[in-house]
């Protein structure tokens, strides 16, 4: 695959994923992962999330902006690395606001207690299995019989910066 094809494949995989594990480095140096919802499915290199202004993840980003985000969709997985920043922009919050966010943050997008986290993606790695989970299991079983490595799909690393 060309770099353009690989980038397009990452964009395609992310378009089907809206929940992820968002990993920061805590102020004491430990990796902390938590589930979060991606707010913008049109991936242009930036990923957007809502957070409470006083949350641990916001403090973590203030101390160390390097983050990792992992997505799973169907039989594909994507790991994105990037640099996060905390954004206090009411217009952008209103633009991204939806019923899912409103369930978590009842005070509305104008609240100072709500911020956005913007992640500028630097790189990604993806694993994409062909077919369904059943076909992947069949590939594993076949490999046990033949002694060959199973064909579990494609894997690539993509520069997104």
N, C-alpha and C. Protein backbone atom coordinates (compact mmCIF):
# COMPACT_ATOMS: atom_id res chain seq x y z
N UNK A 1 0.84 -1.19 0.00
CA UNK A 1 0.00 0.00 0.00
C UNK A 1 0.88 1.25 0.00
N UNK A 2 0.44 2.29 -0.71
CA UNK A 2 1.13 3.56 -0.68
C UNK A 2 0.79 4.28 0.62
N UNK A 3 1.55 5.34 0.93
CA UNK A 3 1.25 6.13 2.13
C UNK A 3 -0.17 6.70 2.07
N UNK A 4 -0.57 7.15 0.88
CA UNK A 4 -1.92 7.71 0.71
C UNK A 4 -2.97 6.63 0.94
N UNK A 5 -2.74 5.42 0.41
CA UNK A 5 -3.69 4.32 0.61
C UNK A 5 -3.77 3.94 2.08
N UNK A 6 -2.62 3.87 2.76
CA UNK A 6 -2.60 3.51 4.17
C UNK A 6 -3.33 4.54 5.01
N UNK A 7 -3.10 5.82 4.72
CA UNK A 7 -3.79 6.89 5.44
C UNK A 7 -5.30 6.79 5.20
N UNK A 8 -5.70 6.55 3.95
CA UNK A 8 -7.11 6.42 3.61
C UNK A 8 -7.72 5.23 4.34
N UNK A 9 -6.95 4.14 4.50
CA UNK A 9 -7.46 2.97 5.20
C UNK A 9 -7.68 3.29 6.68
N UNK A 10 -6.77 4.03 7.29
CA UNK A 10 -6.94 4.45 8.69
C UNK A 10 -8.20 5.31 8.81
N UNK A 11 -8.39 6.25 7.89
CA UNK A 11 -9.58 7.12 7.91
C UNK A 11 -10.84 6.27 7.81
N UNK A 12 -10.84 5.27 6.92
CA UNK A 12 -11.99 4.39 6.76
C UNK A 12 -12.28 3.61 8.04
N UNK A 13 -11.23 3.07 8.66
CA UNK A 13 -11.42 2.31 9.89
C UNK A 13 -11.95 3.19 11.01
N UNK A 14 -11.45 4.43 11.12
CA UNK A 14 -11.90 5.33 12.18
C UNK A 14 -13.34 5.81 11.95
N UNK A 15 -13.79 5.83 10.70
CA UNK A 15 -15.15 6.30 10.42
C UNK A 15 -16.20 5.38 11.03
N UNK A 16 -15.84 4.13 11.27
CA UNK A 16 -16.78 3.17 11.87
C UNK A 16 -16.63 3.03 13.38
N UNK A 17 -15.66 3.71 13.95
CA UNK A 17 -15.38 3.57 15.39
C UNK A 17 -15.72 4.87 16.10
N UNK A 18 -16.50 4.78 17.17
CA UNK A 18 -16.77 6.00 17.92
C UNK A 18 -16.37 5.91 19.38
N UNK A 19 -16.13 4.71 19.87
CA UNK A 19 -15.63 4.55 21.24
C UNK A 19 -14.19 4.08 21.19
N UNK A 20 -13.43 4.51 22.16
CA UNK A 20 -12.01 4.16 22.17
C UNK A 20 -11.51 4.03 23.61
N UNK A 21 -10.29 3.58 23.72
CA UNK A 21 -9.57 3.66 24.99
C UNK A 21 -8.56 4.79 24.82
N UNK A 22 -8.65 5.78 25.67
CA UNK A 22 -7.84 6.99 25.61
C UNK A 22 -6.79 6.90 26.72
N UNK A 23 -5.51 6.86 26.35
CA UNK A 23 -4.44 6.64 27.32
C UNK A 23 -3.59 7.89 27.50
N UNK A 24 -3.43 8.28 28.75
CA UNK A 24 -2.55 9.39 29.11
C UNK A 24 -1.48 8.86 30.08
N UNK A 25 -0.50 9.68 30.34
CA UNK A 25 0.48 9.37 31.37
C UNK A 25 0.14 10.23 32.59
N UNK A 26 -0.09 9.57 33.72
CA UNK A 26 -0.49 10.30 34.92
C UNK A 26 0.67 11.17 35.41
N UNK A 27 0.35 12.08 36.31
CA UNK A 27 1.38 12.98 36.83
C UNK A 27 2.46 12.23 37.60
N UNK A 28 2.16 10.98 38.05
CA UNK A 28 3.19 10.18 38.72
C UNK A 28 3.85 9.16 37.78
N UNK A 29 3.58 9.30 36.46
CA UNK A 29 4.28 8.48 35.47
C UNK A 29 3.60 7.19 35.05
N UNK A 30 2.42 6.88 35.56
CA UNK A 30 1.72 5.65 35.19
C UNK A 30 0.82 5.88 33.98
N UNK A 31 0.70 4.85 33.15
CA UNK A 31 -0.23 4.93 32.02
C UNK A 31 -1.65 4.67 32.53
N UNK A 32 -2.58 5.54 32.12
CA UNK A 32 -3.97 5.42 32.53
C UNK A 32 -4.83 5.42 31.26
N UNK A 33 -5.62 4.37 31.09
CA UNK A 33 -6.53 4.29 29.94
C UNK A 33 -7.97 4.31 30.44
N UNK A 34 -8.80 5.03 29.70
CA UNK A 34 -10.21 5.08 30.04
C UNK A 34 -11.02 5.15 28.75
N UNK A 35 -12.26 4.61 28.77
CA UNK A 35 -13.09 4.69 27.57
C UNK A 35 -13.58 6.11 27.35
N UNK A 36 -13.58 6.51 26.10
CA UNK A 36 -14.09 7.83 25.73
C UNK A 36 -14.77 7.72 24.38
N UNK A 37 -15.62 8.70 24.09
CA UNK A 37 -16.35 8.74 22.82
C UNK A 37 -15.73 9.80 21.91
N UNK A 38 -15.39 9.39 20.71
CA UNK A 38 -14.88 10.29 19.69
C UNK A 38 -16.02 11.17 19.21
N UNK A 39 -15.79 12.47 19.07
CA UNK A 39 -16.88 13.38 18.73
C UNK A 39 -16.95 13.76 17.27
N UNK A 40 -15.90 13.55 16.52
CA UNK A 40 -15.93 13.92 15.12
C UNK A 40 -15.49 12.72 14.31
N UNK A 41 -16.37 12.22 13.46
CA UNK A 41 -16.03 11.01 12.71
C UNK A 41 -15.32 11.33 11.39
N UNK A 42 -15.34 12.57 10.95
CA UNK A 42 -14.59 12.95 9.76
C UNK A 42 -13.16 13.20 10.19
N UNK A 43 -12.30 12.21 9.97
CA UNK A 43 -10.93 12.30 10.47
C UNK A 43 -10.07 13.12 9.51
N UNK A 44 -9.59 14.26 9.98
CA UNK A 44 -8.71 15.12 9.19
C UNK A 44 -7.32 15.21 9.81
N UNK A 45 -7.04 14.32 10.75
CA UNK A 45 -5.77 14.38 11.46
C UNK A 45 -5.95 14.81 12.91
N UNK A 46 -7.12 15.37 13.22
CA UNK A 46 -7.42 15.78 14.59
C UNK A 46 -8.58 14.93 15.12
N UNK A 47 -8.48 14.56 16.38
CA UNK A 47 -9.55 13.83 17.06
C UNK A 47 -10.05 14.72 18.19
N UNK A 48 -11.36 14.75 18.41
CA UNK A 48 -11.97 15.62 19.40
C UNK A 48 -12.76 14.82 20.43
N UNK A 49 -12.62 15.23 21.69
CA UNK A 49 -13.31 14.59 22.81
C UNK A 49 -13.78 15.66 23.78
N UNK A 50 -14.88 15.38 24.50
CA UNK A 50 -15.32 16.24 25.59
C UNK A 50 -14.77 15.69 26.90
N UNK A 51 -14.52 16.58 27.86
CA UNK A 51 -14.05 16.15 29.19
C UNK A 51 -14.47 17.19 30.22
N UNK A 52 -14.54 16.75 31.46
CA UNK A 52 -14.74 17.68 32.57
C UNK A 52 -13.44 18.44 32.78
N UNK A 53 -13.54 19.74 32.95
CA UNK A 53 -12.36 20.58 33.09
C UNK A 53 -11.49 20.17 34.28
N UNK A 54 -12.11 19.64 35.32
CA UNK A 54 -11.35 19.26 36.51
C UNK A 54 -11.01 17.77 36.55
N UNK A 55 -11.08 17.09 35.41
CA UNK A 55 -10.83 15.65 35.37
C UNK A 55 -9.34 15.31 35.41
N UNK A 56 -9.08 14.10 35.80
CA UNK A 56 -7.70 13.59 35.88
C UNK A 56 -7.03 13.61 34.51
N UNK A 57 -7.78 13.26 33.45
CA UNK A 57 -7.18 13.23 32.11
C UNK A 57 -6.73 14.62 31.68
N UNK A 58 -7.48 15.65 32.05
CA UNK A 58 -7.09 17.02 31.71
C UNK A 58 -5.80 17.40 32.44
N UNK A 59 -5.69 17.01 33.70
CA UNK A 59 -4.45 17.26 34.46
C UNK A 59 -3.29 16.49 33.84
N UNK A 60 -3.55 15.24 33.44
CA UNK A 60 -2.50 14.43 32.81
C UNK A 60 -1.98 15.09 31.54
N UNK A 61 -2.90 15.59 30.71
CA UNK A 61 -2.51 16.23 29.45
C UNK A 61 -1.70 17.49 29.72
N UNK A 62 -2.06 18.22 30.78
CA UNK A 62 -1.30 19.41 31.15
C UNK A 62 0.14 19.09 31.50
N UNK A 63 0.36 17.93 32.10
CA UNK A 63 1.71 17.51 32.50
C UNK A 63 2.47 16.83 31.37
N UNK A 64 1.75 16.09 30.52
CA UNK A 64 2.38 15.35 29.42
C UNK A 64 1.36 15.18 28.29
N UNK A 65 1.52 15.93 27.20
CA UNK A 65 0.50 15.90 26.15
C UNK A 65 0.55 14.68 25.23
N UNK A 66 1.51 13.79 25.39
CA UNK A 66 1.57 12.59 24.54
C UNK A 66 0.48 11.60 24.97
N UNK A 67 -0.34 11.18 24.00
CA UNK A 67 -1.44 10.26 24.30
C UNK A 67 -1.48 9.13 23.28
N UNK A 68 -2.17 8.07 23.66
CA UNK A 68 -2.43 6.94 22.78
C UNK A 68 -3.92 6.66 22.79
N UNK A 69 -4.47 6.37 21.63
CA UNK A 69 -5.90 6.13 21.52
C UNK A 69 -6.09 4.85 20.71
N UNK A 70 -6.84 3.89 21.24
CA UNK A 70 -7.07 2.63 20.53
C UNK A 70 -8.54 2.46 20.24
N UNK A 71 -8.81 2.06 18.99
CA UNK A 71 -10.16 1.85 18.50
C UNK A 71 -10.30 0.41 18.03
N UNK A 72 -11.50 -0.12 18.13
CA UNK A 72 -11.82 -1.44 17.56
C UNK A 72 -13.15 -1.31 16.85
N UNK A 73 -13.22 -1.84 15.64
CA UNK A 73 -14.45 -1.82 14.88
C UNK A 73 -14.52 -3.08 14.04
N UNK A 74 -15.51 -3.92 14.31
CA UNK A 74 -15.62 -5.18 13.58
C UNK A 74 -14.40 -6.05 13.83
N UNK A 75 -13.68 -6.38 12.76
CA UNK A 75 -12.47 -7.19 12.89
C UNK A 75 -11.22 -6.35 12.64
N UNK A 76 -11.30 -5.06 12.94
CA UNK A 76 -10.16 -4.16 12.75
C UNK A 76 -9.85 -3.40 14.03
N UNK A 77 -8.59 -3.06 14.16
CA UNK A 77 -8.10 -2.32 15.32
C UNK A 77 -7.19 -1.22 14.82
N UNK A 78 -7.25 -0.05 15.48
CA UNK A 78 -6.39 1.07 15.13
C UNK A 78 -5.84 1.66 16.42
N UNK A 79 -4.54 1.90 16.44
CA UNK A 79 -3.88 2.58 17.55
C UNK A 79 -3.30 3.89 17.01
N UNK A 80 -3.73 5.01 17.61
CA UNK A 80 -3.30 6.33 17.17
C UNK A 80 -2.45 6.95 18.27
N UNK A 81 -1.32 7.52 17.89
CA UNK A 81 -0.51 8.27 18.85
C UNK A 81 -0.54 9.74 18.44
N UNK A 82 -0.50 10.63 19.43
CA UNK A 82 -0.55 12.04 19.10
C UNK A 82 -0.29 12.91 20.31
N UNK A 83 -0.50 14.20 20.09
CA UNK A 83 -0.31 15.19 21.14
C UNK A 83 -1.66 15.84 21.42
N UNK A 84 -2.02 15.85 22.69
CA UNK A 84 -3.32 16.38 23.11
C UNK A 84 -3.17 17.79 23.66
N UNK A 85 -4.21 18.56 23.49
CA UNK A 85 -4.29 19.87 24.12
C UNK A 85 -5.71 20.09 24.61
N UNK A 86 -5.84 20.89 25.63
CA UNK A 86 -7.15 21.22 26.19
C UNK A 86 -7.61 22.50 25.51
N UNK A 87 -8.83 22.46 24.96
CA UNK A 87 -9.38 23.59 24.20
C UNK A 87 -10.62 24.11 24.91
N UNK A 88 -10.64 25.39 25.15
CA UNK A 88 -11.81 26.05 25.76
C UNK A 88 -12.40 26.98 24.70
N UNK A 89 -13.25 26.44 23.86
CA UNK A 89 -13.83 27.17 22.73
C UNK A 89 -15.32 26.84 22.66
N UNK A 90 -16.15 27.78 23.13
CA UNK A 90 -17.59 27.54 23.18
C UNK A 90 -18.18 27.27 21.80
N UNK A 91 -17.69 27.94 20.77
CA UNK A 91 -18.22 27.72 19.42
C UNK A 91 -17.95 26.29 18.96
N UNK A 92 -16.75 25.79 19.21
CA UNK A 92 -16.42 24.41 18.82
C UNK A 92 -17.21 23.42 19.67
N UNK A 93 -17.38 23.71 20.96
CA UNK A 93 -18.19 22.83 21.81
C UNK A 93 -19.62 22.75 21.28
N UNK A 94 -20.20 23.88 20.89
CA UNK A 94 -21.56 23.89 20.36
C UNK A 94 -21.62 23.11 19.05
N UNK A 95 -20.58 23.23 18.23
CA UNK A 95 -20.53 22.53 16.95
C UNK A 95 -20.51 21.01 17.14
N UNK A 96 -19.79 20.54 18.16
CA UNK A 96 -19.64 19.10 18.39
C UNK A 96 -20.71 18.53 19.33
N UNK A 97 -21.48 19.39 19.98
CA UNK A 97 -22.45 18.96 20.99
C UNK A 97 -23.49 18.03 20.38
N UNK A 98 -23.85 16.97 21.11
CA UNK A 98 -24.88 16.03 20.66
C UNK A 98 -25.56 15.42 21.89
N UNK A 99 -26.58 14.61 21.65
CA UNK A 99 -27.35 14.04 22.75
C UNK A 99 -26.51 13.12 23.64
N UNK A 100 -25.55 12.41 23.05
CA UNK A 100 -24.67 11.55 23.84
C UNK A 100 -23.84 12.36 24.83
N UNK A 101 -23.32 13.49 24.39
CA UNK A 101 -22.53 14.36 25.26
C UNK A 101 -23.44 14.96 26.34
N UNK A 102 -24.66 15.36 25.93
CA UNK A 102 -25.60 15.96 26.88
C UNK A 102 -25.95 15.00 28.01
N UNK A 103 -25.91 13.70 27.74
CA UNK A 103 -26.19 12.71 28.79
C UNK A 103 -25.13 12.75 29.88
N UNK A 104 -23.91 13.08 29.51
CA UNK A 104 -22.81 13.13 30.49
C UNK A 104 -22.65 14.51 31.11
N UNK A 105 -22.94 15.54 30.33
CA UNK A 105 -22.73 16.92 30.78
C UNK A 105 -24.03 17.70 30.66
N UNK A 106 -24.79 17.77 31.75
CA UNK A 106 -26.11 18.39 31.73
C UNK A 106 -26.07 19.92 31.67
N UNK A 107 -24.92 20.55 31.95
CA UNK A 107 -24.85 22.01 32.02
C UNK A 107 -24.76 22.69 30.66
N UNK A 108 -24.65 21.91 29.59
CA UNK A 108 -24.61 22.49 28.25
C UNK A 108 -23.22 22.91 27.81
N UNK A 109 -23.07 23.17 26.51
CA UNK A 109 -21.75 23.45 25.94
C UNK A 109 -21.12 24.76 26.41
N UNK A 110 -21.92 25.67 26.96
CA UNK A 110 -21.37 26.95 27.42
C UNK A 110 -20.69 26.85 28.78
N UNK A 111 -20.85 25.71 29.45
CA UNK A 111 -20.31 25.54 30.80
C UNK A 111 -18.78 25.61 30.81
N UNK A 112 -18.25 26.37 31.77
CA UNK A 112 -16.79 26.43 31.95
C UNK A 112 -16.24 25.12 32.51
N UNK A 113 -17.12 24.29 33.05
CA UNK A 113 -16.70 23.01 33.61
C UNK A 113 -16.49 21.94 32.55
N UNK A 114 -16.77 22.27 31.29
CA UNK A 114 -16.61 21.34 30.18
C UNK A 114 -15.57 21.89 29.22
N UNK A 115 -14.63 21.05 28.83
CA UNK A 115 -13.60 21.43 27.86
C UNK A 115 -13.56 20.40 26.73
N UNK A 116 -12.86 20.76 25.71
CA UNK A 116 -12.58 19.81 24.62
C UNK A 116 -11.14 19.36 24.72
N UNK A 117 -10.91 18.14 24.34
CA UNK A 117 -9.55 17.64 24.17
C UNK A 117 -9.35 17.44 22.68
N UNK A 118 -8.36 18.10 22.15
CA UNK A 118 -8.01 17.97 20.73
C UNK A 118 -6.72 17.17 20.66
N UNK A 119 -6.75 16.10 19.89
CA UNK A 119 -5.56 15.29 19.69
C UNK A 119 -5.10 15.45 18.25
N UNK A 120 -3.90 15.96 18.08
CA UNK A 120 -3.30 16.04 16.75
C UNK A 120 -2.57 14.73 16.53
N UNK A 121 -3.13 13.92 15.64
CA UNK A 121 -2.57 12.58 15.39
C UNK A 121 -1.21 12.70 14.71
N UNK A 122 -0.26 11.92 15.21
CA UNK A 122 1.08 11.89 14.63
C UNK A 122 1.33 10.59 13.87
N UNK A 123 0.75 9.52 14.35
CA UNK A 123 0.95 8.23 13.70
C UNK A 123 -0.13 7.25 14.09
N UNK A 124 -0.23 6.19 13.31
CA UNK A 124 -1.22 5.16 13.60
C UNK A 124 -0.67 3.82 13.17
N UNK A 125 -1.16 2.78 13.80
CA UNK A 125 -0.91 1.42 13.36
C UNK A 125 -2.25 0.72 13.35
N UNK A 126 -2.48 -0.06 12.30
CA UNK A 126 -3.75 -0.77 12.22
C UNK A 126 -3.53 -2.23 11.92
N UNK A 127 -4.51 -3.01 12.35
CA UNK A 127 -4.58 -4.43 12.07
C UNK A 127 -5.99 -4.65 11.54
N UNK A 128 -6.09 -5.24 10.38
CA UNK A 128 -7.39 -5.43 9.75
C UNK A 128 -7.51 -6.87 9.28
N UNK A 129 -8.42 -7.61 9.88
CA UNK A 129 -8.62 -9.02 9.53
C UNK A 129 -9.62 -9.13 8.39
N UNK A 130 -9.37 -10.06 7.46
CA UNK A 130 -10.31 -10.22 6.35
C UNK A 130 -11.58 -10.94 6.82
N UNK A 131 -12.71 -10.56 6.26
CA UNK A 131 -13.95 -11.28 6.56
C UNK A 131 -14.43 -11.06 7.97
N UNK A 132 -15.07 -12.09 8.49
CA UNK A 132 -15.70 -12.01 9.80
C UNK A 132 -14.83 -12.64 10.88
N UNK A 133 -15.31 -12.59 12.11
CA UNK A 133 -14.62 -13.25 13.21
C UNK A 133 -14.57 -14.76 12.99
N UNK A 134 -15.63 -15.30 12.38
CA UNK A 134 -15.67 -16.74 12.10
C UNK A 134 -14.57 -17.12 11.11
N UNK A 135 -14.38 -16.30 10.05
CA UNK A 135 -13.33 -16.62 9.08
C UNK A 135 -11.94 -16.52 9.70
N UNK A 136 -11.78 -15.61 10.65
CA UNK A 136 -10.50 -15.51 11.36
C UNK A 136 -10.26 -16.76 12.20
N UNK A 137 -11.29 -17.24 12.87
CA UNK A 137 -11.15 -18.48 13.66
C UNK A 137 -10.84 -19.67 12.76
N UNK A 138 -11.45 -19.71 11.58
CA UNK A 138 -11.17 -20.78 10.62
C UNK A 138 -9.71 -20.71 10.17
N UNK A 139 -9.20 -19.50 9.93
CA UNK A 139 -7.80 -19.33 9.54
C UNK A 139 -6.87 -19.86 10.63
N UNK A 140 -7.21 -19.60 11.89
CA UNK A 140 -6.40 -20.13 13.01
C UNK A 140 -6.44 -21.66 13.03
N UNK A 141 -7.62 -22.22 12.86
CA UNK A 141 -7.74 -23.69 12.87
C UNK A 141 -6.97 -24.31 11.72
N UNK A 142 -7.07 -23.71 10.55
CA UNK A 142 -6.35 -24.20 9.37
C UNK A 142 -4.84 -24.18 9.61
N UNK A 143 -4.37 -23.12 10.25
CA UNK A 143 -2.93 -23.01 10.50
C UNK A 143 -2.44 -24.10 11.45
N UNK A 144 -3.29 -24.49 12.39
CA UNK A 144 -2.92 -25.58 13.32
C UNK A 144 -2.76 -26.90 12.57
N UNK A 145 -3.57 -27.11 11.54
CA UNK A 145 -3.51 -28.35 10.77
C UNK A 145 -2.34 -28.34 9.80
N UNK A 146 -2.15 -27.21 9.10
CA UNK A 146 -1.11 -27.13 8.06
C UNK A 146 0.26 -26.76 8.60
N UNK A 147 0.30 -26.12 9.75
CA UNK A 147 1.57 -25.66 10.31
C UNK A 147 1.99 -24.31 9.74
N UNK A 148 1.20 -23.75 8.82
CA UNK A 148 1.48 -22.43 8.25
C UNK A 148 0.93 -21.34 9.15
N UNK A 149 1.51 -20.17 9.04
CA UNK A 149 0.98 -19.03 9.80
C UNK A 149 -0.39 -18.66 9.26
N UNK A 150 -1.31 -18.31 10.12
CA UNK A 150 -2.65 -17.94 9.64
C UNK A 150 -2.63 -16.59 8.92
N UNK A 151 -3.48 -16.46 7.91
CA UNK A 151 -3.67 -15.17 7.25
C UNK A 151 -4.72 -14.42 8.05
N UNK A 152 -4.24 -13.54 8.90
CA UNK A 152 -5.17 -12.79 9.75
C UNK A 152 -5.32 -11.35 9.29
N UNK A 153 -4.91 -11.06 8.06
CA UNK A 153 -5.16 -9.73 7.51
C UNK A 153 -3.92 -8.89 7.37
N UNK A 154 -4.15 -7.58 7.35
CA UNK A 154 -3.08 -6.63 7.11
C UNK A 154 -2.72 -5.87 8.37
N UNK A 155 -1.49 -5.42 8.39
CA UNK A 155 -0.96 -4.60 9.48
C UNK A 155 -0.05 -3.58 8.84
N UNK A 156 -0.20 -2.32 9.24
CA UNK A 156 0.67 -1.29 8.69
C UNK A 156 0.81 -0.16 9.70
N UNK A 157 1.90 0.55 9.58
CA UNK A 157 2.16 1.73 10.38
C UNK A 157 2.09 2.93 9.45
N UNK A 158 1.40 3.99 9.90
CA UNK A 158 1.14 5.13 9.04
C UNK A 158 1.58 6.41 9.74
N UNK A 159 2.34 7.25 9.04
CA UNK A 159 2.74 8.56 9.53
C UNK A 159 1.61 9.52 9.25
N UNK A 160 1.05 10.13 10.27
CA UNK A 160 -0.07 11.06 10.10
C UNK A 160 0.31 12.51 10.33
N UNK A 161 1.58 12.77 10.63
CA UNK A 161 1.96 14.16 10.93
C UNK A 161 2.21 14.95 9.67
